[in-house]
N, C-alpha and C. Protein backbone atom coordinates (compact mmCIF):
# COMPACT_ATOMS: atom_id res chain seq x y z
N MET A 1 1.97 6.34 10.10
CA MET A 1 2.87 6.85 9.08
C MET A 1 3.76 7.91 9.69
N ALA A 2 5.02 7.79 9.45
CA ALA A 2 5.98 8.74 9.99
C ALA A 2 5.90 10.04 9.23
N SER A 3 6.08 11.14 9.93
CA SER A 3 6.10 12.44 9.28
C SER A 3 7.37 12.56 8.45
N SER A 4 7.27 13.32 7.37
CA SER A 4 8.45 13.51 6.51
C SER A 4 9.39 14.56 7.08
N ASN A 5 8.95 15.25 8.13
CA ASN A 5 9.81 16.26 8.75
C ASN A 5 10.61 15.62 9.86
N ILE A 6 11.91 15.53 9.70
CA ILE A 6 12.77 14.91 10.69
C ILE A 6 13.33 15.96 11.62
N LYS A 7 13.07 15.79 12.89
CA LYS A 7 13.54 16.76 13.87
C LYS A 7 15.06 16.72 13.98
N GLN A 8 15.60 17.86 14.32
CA GLN A 8 17.05 18.00 14.38
C GLN A 8 17.56 17.99 15.83
N THR A 9 16.80 17.40 16.72
CA THR A 9 17.20 17.35 18.12
C THR A 9 17.57 15.93 18.50
N GLY A 10 18.23 15.79 19.65
CA GLY A 10 18.59 14.47 20.13
C GLY A 10 20.02 14.11 19.80
N THR A 11 20.48 13.02 20.38
CA THR A 11 21.84 12.56 20.15
C THR A 11 21.87 11.50 19.07
N SER A 12 23.05 11.19 18.57
CA SER A 12 23.17 10.29 17.42
C SER A 12 22.64 8.89 17.72
N ASN A 13 22.72 8.44 18.98
CA ASN A 13 22.25 7.09 19.27
C ASN A 13 20.73 6.99 19.27
N HIS A 14 20.04 8.11 19.09
CA HIS A 14 18.59 8.10 18.96
C HIS A 14 18.16 7.87 17.52
N TYR A 15 19.11 7.95 16.60
CA TYR A 15 18.78 7.86 15.18
C TYR A 15 19.10 6.47 14.63
N ALA A 16 18.31 6.07 13.62
CA ALA A 16 18.52 4.77 12.99
C ALA A 16 19.81 4.79 12.18
N SER A 17 20.58 3.73 12.31
CA SER A 17 21.83 3.60 11.58
C SER A 17 21.62 2.71 10.36
N VAL A 18 22.65 2.60 9.54
CA VAL A 18 22.57 1.71 8.37
C VAL A 18 22.26 0.28 8.79
N PRO A 19 22.96 -0.28 9.81
CA PRO A 19 22.62 -1.63 10.26
C PRO A 19 21.17 -1.75 10.75
N ASP A 20 20.65 -0.69 11.38
CA ASP A 20 19.26 -0.71 11.84
C ASP A 20 18.32 -0.90 10.66
N PHE A 21 18.53 -0.13 9.59
CA PHE A 21 17.67 -0.24 8.42
C PHE A 21 17.84 -1.58 7.72
N GLU A 22 19.08 -2.06 7.65
CA GLU A 22 19.32 -3.35 7.03
C GLU A 22 18.60 -4.46 7.79
N GLN A 23 18.61 -4.35 9.11
CA GLN A 23 17.91 -5.34 9.93
C GLN A 23 16.41 -5.29 9.70
N ILE A 24 15.86 -4.08 9.58
CA ILE A 24 14.43 -3.93 9.31
C ILE A 24 14.06 -4.59 7.99
N PHE A 25 14.88 -4.39 6.97
CA PHE A 25 14.57 -4.95 5.65
C PHE A 25 14.71 -6.47 5.65
N VAL A 26 15.51 -7.01 6.55
CA VAL A 26 15.60 -8.47 6.68
C VAL A 26 14.41 -9.00 7.47
N GLU A 27 14.13 -8.38 8.61
CA GLU A 27 13.05 -8.86 9.48
C GLU A 27 11.68 -8.67 8.83
N ASP A 28 11.49 -7.57 8.11
CA ASP A 28 10.19 -7.26 7.50
C ASP A 28 10.18 -7.52 6.01
N MET A 29 11.05 -8.41 5.55
CA MET A 29 11.20 -8.61 4.11
C MET A 29 9.89 -8.95 3.43
N ASN A 30 9.13 -9.89 3.99
CA ASN A 30 7.89 -10.29 3.33
C ASN A 30 6.90 -9.14 3.22
N SER A 31 6.70 -8.40 4.32
CA SER A 31 5.71 -7.32 4.29
C SER A 31 6.17 -6.17 3.40
N LEU A 32 7.45 -5.86 3.41
CA LEU A 32 7.97 -4.79 2.55
C LEU A 32 7.94 -5.20 1.09
N TYR A 33 8.23 -6.46 0.82
CA TYR A 33 8.18 -6.94 -0.56
C TYR A 33 6.74 -6.98 -1.06
N LEU A 34 5.84 -7.40 -0.17
CA LEU A 34 4.42 -7.41 -0.55
C LEU A 34 3.94 -6.00 -0.83
N LEU A 35 4.35 -5.04 -0.01
CA LEU A 35 4.01 -3.65 -0.25
C LEU A 35 4.52 -3.21 -1.63
N SER A 36 5.76 -3.57 -1.95
CA SER A 36 6.33 -3.23 -3.25
C SER A 36 5.52 -3.84 -4.39
N LEU A 37 5.12 -5.08 -4.20
CA LEU A 37 4.35 -5.78 -5.23
C LEU A 37 2.98 -5.16 -5.42
N LEU A 38 2.30 -4.87 -4.32
CA LEU A 38 0.96 -4.28 -4.41
C LEU A 38 1.01 -2.92 -5.11
N LEU A 39 2.07 -2.17 -4.87
CA LEU A 39 2.19 -0.85 -5.47
C LEU A 39 2.56 -0.91 -6.95
N THR A 40 3.46 -1.80 -7.31
CA THR A 40 4.00 -1.80 -8.67
C THR A 40 3.31 -2.78 -9.60
N GLY A 41 2.76 -3.87 -9.06
CA GLY A 41 2.01 -4.80 -9.89
C GLY A 41 2.83 -5.79 -10.68
N SER A 42 4.14 -5.82 -10.51
CA SER A 42 4.94 -6.82 -11.22
C SER A 42 6.17 -7.18 -10.41
N ARG A 43 6.63 -8.39 -10.62
CA ARG A 43 7.77 -8.88 -9.86
C ARG A 43 9.03 -8.07 -10.13
N VAL A 44 9.30 -7.77 -11.38
CA VAL A 44 10.52 -7.02 -11.72
C VAL A 44 10.49 -5.64 -11.09
N ARG A 45 9.36 -4.94 -11.22
CA ARG A 45 9.27 -3.61 -10.63
C ARG A 45 9.28 -3.66 -9.11
N ALA A 46 8.69 -4.71 -8.54
CA ALA A 46 8.68 -4.85 -7.08
C ALA A 46 10.10 -5.02 -6.55
N GLU A 47 10.89 -5.81 -7.24
CA GLU A 47 12.28 -6.01 -6.82
C GLU A 47 13.06 -4.70 -6.91
N ALA A 48 12.86 -3.95 -7.98
CA ALA A 48 13.54 -2.66 -8.14
C ALA A 48 13.10 -1.69 -7.06
N CYS A 49 11.83 -1.71 -6.74
CA CYS A 49 11.27 -0.84 -5.70
C CYS A 49 11.85 -1.19 -4.34
N PHE A 50 11.92 -2.48 -4.03
CA PHE A 50 12.45 -2.95 -2.74
C PHE A 50 13.90 -2.49 -2.57
N VAL A 51 14.72 -2.71 -3.60
CA VAL A 51 16.14 -2.34 -3.54
C VAL A 51 16.29 -0.82 -3.43
N ALA A 52 15.48 -0.08 -4.20
CA ALA A 52 15.56 1.38 -4.14
C ALA A 52 15.14 1.90 -2.78
N GLY A 53 14.13 1.26 -2.18
CA GLY A 53 13.69 1.67 -0.85
C GLY A 53 14.77 1.49 0.19
N LEU A 54 15.46 0.35 0.13
CA LEU A 54 16.56 0.10 1.06
C LEU A 54 17.67 1.11 0.84
N SER A 55 18.00 1.37 -0.42
CA SER A 55 19.06 2.32 -0.74
C SER A 55 18.76 3.71 -0.18
N GLU A 56 17.51 4.15 -0.32
CA GLU A 56 17.12 5.46 0.21
C GLU A 56 17.18 5.48 1.73
N CYS A 57 16.83 4.39 2.36
CA CYS A 57 16.86 4.32 3.82
C CYS A 57 18.28 4.45 4.36
N VAL A 58 19.21 3.74 3.76
CA VAL A 58 20.57 3.76 4.29
C VAL A 58 21.22 5.12 4.05
N LYS A 59 20.67 5.91 3.11
CA LYS A 59 21.19 7.26 2.88
C LYS A 59 20.50 8.30 3.77
N SER A 60 19.43 7.89 4.44
CA SER A 60 18.67 8.83 5.26
C SER A 60 19.46 9.22 6.50
N LYS A 61 19.36 10.47 6.87
CA LYS A 61 20.06 10.98 8.04
C LYS A 61 19.06 11.42 9.11
N ARG A 62 19.42 11.18 10.36
CA ARG A 62 18.67 11.68 11.50
C ARG A 62 17.20 11.27 11.47
N VAL A 63 16.97 9.99 11.18
CA VAL A 63 15.64 9.41 11.31
C VAL A 63 15.58 8.71 12.67
N PHE A 64 14.67 9.12 13.51
CA PHE A 64 14.58 8.51 14.83
C PHE A 64 14.33 7.01 14.73
N LYS A 65 14.96 6.23 15.61
CA LYS A 65 14.82 4.78 15.59
C LYS A 65 13.36 4.36 15.69
N ASP A 66 12.57 5.07 16.49
CA ASP A 66 11.17 4.72 16.65
C ASP A 66 10.38 4.90 15.35
N TRP A 67 10.92 5.71 14.45
CA TRP A 67 10.24 5.96 13.18
C TRP A 67 10.82 5.13 12.04
N ALA A 68 11.83 4.35 12.31
CA ALA A 68 12.58 3.68 11.24
C ALA A 68 11.70 2.77 10.38
N ARG A 69 10.84 1.99 11.01
CA ARG A 69 9.99 1.08 10.23
C ARG A 69 8.99 1.84 9.36
N SER A 70 8.40 2.89 9.92
CA SER A 70 7.49 3.71 9.13
C SER A 70 8.24 4.40 7.99
N TRP A 71 9.48 4.82 8.28
CA TRP A 71 10.30 5.47 7.26
C TRP A 71 10.63 4.50 6.13
N ALA A 72 10.92 3.25 6.49
CA ALA A 72 11.23 2.23 5.48
C ALA A 72 10.05 2.05 4.53
N ARG A 73 8.84 2.00 5.08
CA ARG A 73 7.65 1.84 4.25
C ARG A 73 7.43 3.07 3.38
N ARG A 74 7.72 4.24 3.94
CA ARG A 74 7.58 5.47 3.16
C ARG A 74 8.55 5.49 1.98
N MET A 75 9.78 5.04 2.21
CA MET A 75 10.76 5.01 1.13
C MET A 75 10.36 4.00 0.05
N ILE A 76 9.73 2.90 0.45
CA ILE A 76 9.22 1.93 -0.51
C ILE A 76 8.15 2.58 -1.38
N ILE A 77 7.25 3.31 -0.75
CA ILE A 77 6.17 3.97 -1.48
C ILE A 77 6.72 5.01 -2.45
N GLN A 78 7.66 5.81 -1.99
CA GLN A 78 8.24 6.83 -2.87
C GLN A 78 9.01 6.19 -4.02
N ALA A 79 9.68 5.09 -3.74
CA ALA A 79 10.41 4.38 -4.81
C ALA A 79 9.42 3.82 -5.83
N ALA A 80 8.30 3.30 -5.34
CA ALA A 80 7.29 2.74 -6.24
C ALA A 80 6.71 3.81 -7.16
N ILE A 81 6.47 4.98 -6.60
CA ILE A 81 5.94 6.07 -7.40
C ILE A 81 6.91 6.43 -8.52
N ARG A 82 8.20 6.46 -8.18
CA ARG A 82 9.21 6.77 -9.21
C ARG A 82 9.29 5.66 -10.25
N VAL A 83 9.19 4.41 -9.79
CA VAL A 83 9.28 3.28 -10.70
C VAL A 83 8.10 3.23 -11.66
N MET A 84 6.92 3.52 -11.14
CA MET A 84 5.70 3.36 -11.94
C MET A 84 5.51 4.47 -12.97
N ILE A 85 5.71 5.73 -12.57
CA ILE A 85 5.46 6.89 -13.43
C ILE A 85 4.05 6.80 -14.05
N PHE A 86 3.17 6.11 -13.34
CA PHE A 86 1.76 6.03 -13.73
C PHE A 86 1.59 5.68 -15.21
N GLN A 87 1.87 4.45 -15.50
CA GLN A 87 1.88 3.96 -16.87
C GLN A 87 0.59 4.31 -17.62
N GLU A 88 0.78 4.78 -18.83
CA GLU A 88 -0.31 5.02 -19.77
C GLU A 88 -1.44 5.83 -19.14
N ASN A 89 -1.07 6.92 -18.46
CA ASN A 89 -2.07 7.82 -17.88
C ASN A 89 -3.06 7.09 -16.97
N HIS A 90 -2.52 6.25 -16.08
CA HIS A 90 -3.31 5.54 -15.08
C HIS A 90 -4.19 4.46 -15.70
N ALA A 91 -3.82 3.97 -16.86
CA ALA A 91 -4.64 2.95 -17.52
C ALA A 91 -4.57 1.63 -16.77
N ARG A 92 -5.53 0.75 -17.05
CA ARG A 92 -5.55 -0.56 -16.41
C ARG A 92 -4.39 -1.40 -16.90
N ILE A 93 -3.81 -2.14 -15.97
CA ILE A 93 -2.81 -3.13 -16.36
C ILE A 93 -3.56 -4.42 -16.70
N GLY A 94 -3.04 -5.18 -17.63
CA GLY A 94 -3.69 -6.44 -17.96
C GLY A 94 -3.44 -7.48 -16.88
N LYS A 95 -3.85 -8.68 -17.16
CA LYS A 95 -3.64 -9.78 -16.22
C LYS A 95 -2.14 -10.00 -16.02
N ILE A 96 -1.80 -10.55 -14.87
CA ILE A 96 -0.39 -10.72 -14.54
C ILE A 96 -0.07 -12.16 -14.14
N PRO A 97 -0.24 -13.10 -15.05
CA PRO A 97 -0.03 -14.51 -14.72
C PRO A 97 1.41 -14.82 -14.35
N ALA A 98 2.36 -14.01 -14.80
CA ALA A 98 3.76 -14.31 -14.53
C ALA A 98 4.07 -14.27 -13.04
N ILE A 99 3.36 -13.47 -12.29
CA ILE A 99 3.67 -13.36 -10.86
C ILE A 99 3.07 -14.50 -10.07
N ALA A 100 1.91 -14.92 -10.47
CA ALA A 100 1.08 -15.76 -9.62
C ALA A 100 1.81 -16.97 -9.03
N ARG A 101 2.31 -17.83 -9.89
CA ARG A 101 2.89 -19.07 -9.40
C ARG A 101 4.16 -18.84 -8.58
N ASP A 102 4.98 -17.86 -8.99
CA ASP A 102 6.24 -17.62 -8.30
C ASP A 102 6.03 -17.17 -6.87
N PHE A 103 5.06 -16.27 -6.67
CA PHE A 103 4.87 -15.72 -5.34
C PHE A 103 3.99 -16.57 -4.45
N MET A 104 3.19 -17.46 -5.04
CA MET A 104 2.28 -18.26 -4.24
C MET A 104 3.02 -19.06 -3.19
N ASP A 105 4.19 -19.58 -3.56
CA ASP A 105 4.96 -20.40 -2.63
C ASP A 105 5.67 -19.56 -1.58
N THR A 106 6.19 -18.39 -1.96
CA THR A 106 7.01 -17.62 -1.04
C THR A 106 6.22 -16.68 -0.14
N LEU A 107 5.18 -16.06 -0.68
CA LEU A 107 4.41 -15.11 0.12
C LEU A 107 2.99 -15.59 0.40
N HIS A 108 2.64 -16.77 -0.08
CA HIS A 108 1.32 -17.34 0.16
C HIS A 108 0.22 -16.34 -0.23
N LEU A 109 0.33 -15.83 -1.45
CA LEU A 109 -0.65 -14.86 -1.90
C LEU A 109 -2.02 -15.49 -2.01
N GLN A 110 -3.03 -14.73 -1.62
CA GLN A 110 -4.39 -15.20 -1.71
C GLN A 110 -5.16 -14.34 -2.71
N MET A 111 -6.43 -14.67 -2.89
CA MET A 111 -7.21 -13.98 -3.92
C MET A 111 -7.29 -12.48 -3.65
N GLU A 112 -7.21 -12.07 -2.38
CA GLU A 112 -7.27 -10.64 -2.08
C GLU A 112 -6.11 -9.88 -2.71
N VAL A 113 -4.93 -10.47 -2.72
CA VAL A 113 -3.77 -9.83 -3.32
C VAL A 113 -3.98 -9.68 -4.82
N PHE A 114 -4.46 -10.74 -5.47
CA PHE A 114 -4.66 -10.67 -6.91
C PHE A 114 -5.77 -9.69 -7.26
N ALA A 115 -6.75 -9.55 -6.38
CA ALA A 115 -7.82 -8.57 -6.62
C ALA A 115 -7.25 -7.16 -6.62
N ILE A 116 -6.35 -6.88 -5.70
CA ILE A 116 -5.71 -5.57 -5.64
C ILE A 116 -4.83 -5.34 -6.87
N LEU A 117 -4.08 -6.37 -7.25
CA LEU A 117 -3.20 -6.25 -8.40
C LEU A 117 -3.98 -6.02 -9.69
N ASP A 118 -5.24 -6.39 -9.70
CA ASP A 118 -6.05 -6.25 -10.90
C ASP A 118 -6.70 -4.87 -11.01
N LEU A 119 -6.52 -4.02 -10.00
CA LEU A 119 -7.06 -2.66 -10.06
C LEU A 119 -6.28 -1.83 -11.08
N ALA A 120 -6.90 -0.75 -11.54
CA ALA A 120 -6.19 0.21 -12.38
C ALA A 120 -4.99 0.74 -11.59
N VAL A 121 -3.93 1.10 -12.28
CA VAL A 121 -2.68 1.48 -11.64
C VAL A 121 -2.86 2.56 -10.58
N PHE A 122 -3.46 3.66 -10.97
CA PHE A 122 -3.62 4.79 -10.04
C PHE A 122 -4.52 4.40 -8.87
N ASP A 123 -5.61 3.70 -9.16
CA ASP A 123 -6.53 3.27 -8.09
C ASP A 123 -5.83 2.35 -7.11
N ARG A 124 -5.00 1.45 -7.63
CA ARG A 124 -4.29 0.51 -6.76
C ARG A 124 -3.32 1.23 -5.84
N ILE A 125 -2.55 2.17 -6.39
CA ILE A 125 -1.58 2.89 -5.58
C ILE A 125 -2.27 3.72 -4.51
N VAL A 126 -3.36 4.38 -4.89
CA VAL A 126 -4.12 5.17 -3.91
C VAL A 126 -4.69 4.27 -2.83
N PHE A 127 -5.24 3.11 -3.22
CA PHE A 127 -5.81 2.18 -2.23
C PHE A 127 -4.75 1.72 -1.24
N VAL A 128 -3.60 1.33 -1.74
CA VAL A 128 -2.53 0.85 -0.86
C VAL A 128 -2.07 1.97 0.07
N MET A 129 -1.84 3.15 -0.49
CA MET A 129 -1.33 4.25 0.33
C MET A 129 -2.34 4.73 1.37
N SER A 130 -3.58 4.94 0.94
CA SER A 130 -4.55 5.56 1.83
C SER A 130 -5.26 4.56 2.73
N THR A 131 -5.63 3.41 2.19
CA THR A 131 -6.41 2.45 2.96
C THR A 131 -5.53 1.51 3.79
N LEU A 132 -4.46 1.00 3.18
CA LEU A 132 -3.61 0.05 3.91
C LEU A 132 -2.53 0.76 4.72
N GLU A 133 -1.89 1.77 4.13
CA GLU A 133 -0.80 2.46 4.82
C GLU A 133 -1.26 3.68 5.61
N HIS A 134 -2.52 4.04 5.48
CA HIS A 134 -3.13 5.13 6.27
C HIS A 134 -2.50 6.50 6.01
N TYR A 135 -2.13 6.76 4.79
CA TYR A 135 -1.70 8.11 4.44
C TYR A 135 -2.94 8.98 4.30
N SER A 136 -2.84 10.23 4.70
CA SER A 136 -3.97 11.15 4.55
C SER A 136 -4.17 11.47 3.07
N ASP A 137 -5.36 11.94 2.74
CA ASP A 137 -5.62 12.32 1.35
C ASP A 137 -4.66 13.43 0.90
N ASN A 138 -4.35 14.33 1.82
CA ASN A 138 -3.44 15.42 1.49
C ASN A 138 -2.04 14.89 1.19
N ASP A 139 -1.54 13.97 2.02
CA ASP A 139 -0.22 13.38 1.79
C ASP A 139 -0.19 12.61 0.47
N CYS A 140 -1.26 11.86 0.20
CA CYS A 140 -1.33 11.11 -1.06
C CYS A 140 -1.27 12.06 -2.25
N ALA A 141 -2.04 13.13 -2.16
CA ALA A 141 -2.09 14.09 -3.26
C ALA A 141 -0.72 14.72 -3.50
N ILE A 142 -0.01 15.04 -2.42
CA ILE A 142 1.32 15.64 -2.55
C ILE A 142 2.30 14.66 -3.19
N LEU A 143 2.32 13.43 -2.68
CA LEU A 143 3.27 12.44 -3.18
C LEU A 143 2.95 12.02 -4.62
N LEU A 144 1.67 12.02 -4.97
CA LEU A 144 1.26 11.57 -6.29
C LEU A 144 1.09 12.73 -7.29
N SER A 145 1.34 13.95 -6.80
CA SER A 145 1.24 15.14 -7.65
C SER A 145 -0.13 15.23 -8.33
N CYS A 146 -1.16 15.09 -7.51
CA CYS A 146 -2.52 15.17 -8.04
C CYS A 146 -3.40 15.93 -7.07
N ARG A 147 -4.67 16.05 -7.38
CA ARG A 147 -5.60 16.74 -6.49
C ARG A 147 -6.15 15.77 -5.45
N ARG A 148 -6.56 16.33 -4.30
CA ARG A 148 -7.18 15.48 -3.27
C ARG A 148 -8.42 14.79 -3.83
N MET A 149 -9.15 15.49 -4.69
CA MET A 149 -10.35 14.90 -5.28
C MET A 149 -10.00 13.66 -6.10
N ASP A 150 -8.85 13.69 -6.77
CA ASP A 150 -8.41 12.52 -7.54
C ASP A 150 -8.17 11.33 -6.62
N VAL A 151 -7.62 11.62 -5.44
CA VAL A 151 -7.34 10.57 -4.46
C VAL A 151 -8.63 9.95 -3.95
N THR A 152 -9.57 10.78 -3.51
CA THR A 152 -10.82 10.26 -2.96
C THR A 152 -11.62 9.50 -4.01
N THR A 153 -11.62 10.00 -5.24
CA THR A 153 -12.35 9.33 -6.31
C THR A 153 -11.73 7.97 -6.63
N ALA A 154 -10.41 7.92 -6.70
CA ALA A 154 -9.72 6.66 -6.99
C ALA A 154 -9.94 5.64 -5.88
N ARG A 155 -9.89 6.11 -4.63
CA ARG A 155 -10.11 5.18 -3.51
C ARG A 155 -11.53 4.60 -3.54
N THR A 156 -12.50 5.44 -3.85
CA THR A 156 -13.88 4.97 -3.92
C THR A 156 -14.04 3.92 -5.02
N ARG A 157 -13.43 4.19 -6.19
CA ARG A 157 -13.49 3.21 -7.28
C ARG A 157 -12.88 1.89 -6.86
N ALA A 158 -11.71 1.96 -6.19
CA ALA A 158 -11.01 0.74 -5.77
C ALA A 158 -11.84 -0.03 -4.75
N LEU A 159 -12.39 0.66 -3.77
CA LEU A 159 -13.17 -0.01 -2.73
C LEU A 159 -14.42 -0.66 -3.30
N ARG A 160 -15.06 0.01 -4.24
CA ARG A 160 -16.27 -0.56 -4.84
C ARG A 160 -15.94 -1.80 -5.67
N ARG A 161 -14.84 -1.73 -6.41
CA ARG A 161 -14.45 -2.89 -7.21
C ARG A 161 -14.06 -4.07 -6.31
N LEU A 162 -13.29 -3.78 -5.26
CA LEU A 162 -12.90 -4.84 -4.34
C LEU A 162 -14.10 -5.36 -3.58
N GLY A 163 -15.02 -4.46 -3.25
CA GLY A 163 -16.23 -4.89 -2.56
C GLY A 163 -17.07 -5.83 -3.40
N SER A 164 -17.11 -5.59 -4.70
CA SER A 164 -17.89 -6.47 -5.57
C SER A 164 -17.32 -7.88 -5.56
N MET A 165 -16.00 -7.99 -5.38
CA MET A 165 -15.37 -9.30 -5.30
C MET A 165 -15.85 -10.06 -4.08
N LEU A 166 -16.17 -9.32 -3.01
CA LEU A 166 -16.62 -9.95 -1.76
C LEU A 166 -18.13 -10.16 -1.73
N GLY A 167 -18.81 -9.74 -2.81
CA GLY A 167 -20.24 -9.92 -2.86
C GLY A 167 -21.02 -8.74 -2.36
N TYR A 168 -20.37 -7.56 -2.30
CA TYR A 168 -21.06 -6.34 -1.89
C TYR A 168 -21.41 -5.52 -3.12
N GLU A 169 -22.64 -5.00 -3.11
CA GLU A 169 -23.05 -4.07 -4.15
C GLU A 169 -22.54 -2.68 -3.80
N SER A 170 -22.41 -1.82 -4.80
CA SER A 170 -21.96 -0.46 -4.54
C SER A 170 -22.97 0.33 -3.72
N THR A 171 -24.22 -0.19 -3.66
CA THR A 171 -25.23 0.47 -2.84
C THR A 171 -25.04 0.16 -1.37
N GLY A 172 -24.16 -0.80 -1.08
CA GLY A 172 -23.91 -1.16 0.31
C GLY A 172 -24.63 -2.42 0.73
N GLN A 173 -25.48 -3.02 -0.14
CA GLN A 173 -26.17 -4.24 0.21
C GLN A 173 -25.36 -5.44 -0.22
N THR A 174 -25.40 -6.49 0.56
CA THR A 174 -24.72 -7.72 0.17
C THR A 174 -25.60 -8.50 -0.78
N GLN A 175 -24.98 -9.19 -1.72
CA GLN A 175 -25.73 -10.00 -2.66
C GLN A 175 -26.41 -11.12 -1.91
N GLY A 176 -27.72 -11.24 -2.11
CA GLY A 176 -28.45 -12.30 -1.43
C GLY A 176 -28.81 -11.94 -0.01
N GLY A 177 -28.42 -10.74 0.44
CA GLY A 177 -28.72 -10.32 1.80
C GLY A 177 -30.07 -9.66 1.87
N PRO A 178 -30.49 -9.27 3.08
CA PRO A 178 -31.78 -8.63 3.27
C PRO A 178 -31.86 -7.33 2.46
N GLN A 179 -32.91 -7.17 1.68
CA GLN A 179 -33.06 -5.99 0.85
C GLN A 179 -33.52 -4.77 1.65
N ASP A 180 -34.00 -5.00 2.87
CA ASP A 180 -34.49 -3.89 3.67
C ASP A 180 -33.47 -3.40 4.68
N SER A 181 -32.19 -3.82 4.53
CA SER A 181 -31.16 -3.39 5.48
C SER A 181 -29.92 -2.91 4.76
N PRO A 182 -30.05 -1.80 4.00
CA PRO A 182 -28.90 -1.26 3.27
C PRO A 182 -27.82 -0.78 4.22
N VAL A 183 -26.55 -0.89 3.76
CA VAL A 183 -25.42 -0.43 4.54
C VAL A 183 -25.02 0.95 4.08
N GLU A 184 -24.76 1.88 5.01
CA GLU A 184 -24.33 3.22 4.63
C GLU A 184 -23.02 3.14 3.85
N GLU A 185 -22.80 4.10 2.94
CA GLU A 185 -21.60 4.10 2.11
C GLU A 185 -20.33 4.09 2.94
N SER A 186 -20.29 4.92 4.00
CA SER A 186 -19.09 4.97 4.84
C SER A 186 -18.84 3.64 5.53
N THR A 187 -19.93 2.97 5.95
CA THR A 187 -19.80 1.66 6.59
C THR A 187 -19.32 0.63 5.58
N PHE A 188 -19.84 0.71 4.37
CA PHE A 188 -19.43 -0.20 3.31
C PHE A 188 -17.92 -0.09 3.05
N GLU A 189 -17.43 1.14 2.91
CA GLU A 189 -16.02 1.35 2.64
C GLU A 189 -15.16 0.91 3.81
N THR A 190 -15.63 1.17 5.03
CA THR A 190 -14.88 0.75 6.22
C THR A 190 -14.80 -0.76 6.30
N THR A 191 -15.89 -1.43 5.98
CA THR A 191 -15.92 -2.90 6.01
C THR A 191 -14.92 -3.49 5.04
N ILE A 192 -14.90 -2.96 3.81
CA ILE A 192 -13.97 -3.45 2.79
C ILE A 192 -12.53 -3.18 3.23
N ALA A 193 -12.28 -1.97 3.72
CA ALA A 193 -10.93 -1.60 4.15
C ALA A 193 -10.44 -2.52 5.26
N ARG A 194 -11.28 -2.79 6.23
CA ARG A 194 -10.90 -3.67 7.36
C ARG A 194 -10.65 -5.09 6.89
N TYR A 195 -11.48 -5.55 5.97
CA TYR A 195 -11.32 -6.91 5.48
C TYR A 195 -9.95 -7.10 4.82
N PHE A 196 -9.59 -6.19 3.92
CA PHE A 196 -8.32 -6.33 3.22
C PHE A 196 -7.14 -6.08 4.15
N SER A 197 -7.28 -5.17 5.09
CA SER A 197 -6.20 -4.92 6.06
C SER A 197 -5.92 -6.17 6.87
N ALA A 198 -6.99 -6.84 7.32
CA ALA A 198 -6.83 -8.05 8.12
C ALA A 198 -6.28 -9.19 7.27
N SER A 199 -6.79 -9.34 6.04
CA SER A 199 -6.37 -10.45 5.18
C SER A 199 -4.89 -10.36 4.83
N LEU A 200 -4.37 -9.14 4.67
CA LEU A 200 -2.99 -8.95 4.26
C LEU A 200 -2.04 -8.76 5.43
N GLY A 201 -2.54 -8.88 6.65
CA GLY A 201 -1.68 -8.79 7.83
C GLY A 201 -1.34 -7.38 8.26
N TYR A 202 -2.06 -6.39 7.77
CA TYR A 202 -1.75 -5.02 8.14
C TYR A 202 -2.10 -4.72 9.60
N GLU A 203 -2.99 -5.48 10.17
CA GLU A 203 -3.30 -5.28 11.59
C GLU A 203 -2.09 -5.62 12.45
N ARG A 204 -1.35 -6.64 12.03
CA ARG A 204 -0.13 -7.01 12.78
C ARG A 204 0.96 -5.98 12.59
N ILE A 205 1.03 -5.39 11.38
CA ILE A 205 2.06 -4.39 11.10
C ILE A 205 1.87 -3.16 11.95
N SER A 206 0.61 -2.72 12.09
CA SER A 206 0.33 -1.49 12.83
C SER A 206 0.22 -1.71 14.32
N ALA A 207 0.17 -2.97 14.76
CA ALA A 207 0.03 -3.26 16.20
C ALA A 207 1.27 -2.91 16.96
């Protein structure tokens, strides 16, 4: 994740230009759009988030080229936060059948994506930011205008719910697995985080 503090040193050719950002949004369209969708939970909001993220990027000044891709993802996240305004005090969103068929063909969404979309709004945003995008708890708390404790609690709820989808109990044991070999909580959360990161292609993004 790129730092939000942009250094004021270097020459202009070290900084990302409007064409640079436009190229990033074309080359990384699927991953940036998927990020928008995971954060907002609906096609209409995802499209608004994607466009707003690009708009913010092209207005950005003195962002180093090496940071441009990270900056693009950060602008998507900030746009999503503005778009969402945490509907109904972080309440659960209902089922979202309208997205399913449309995106299945274009982004090849799998059950992992729908599992994330089915999380409560706040839990989903925290999961995406902290687990997939690797924002620190402090950064999440600042961007989401909440306490660090709210972030850690939401992430734990999200990981446990997603883990149950994979057949993991919140105690760390797998369903049907050996009862005498419990998994530590930290290992359980790491396992779930790695699974979803790999399934959604985040390992390729960070490589």
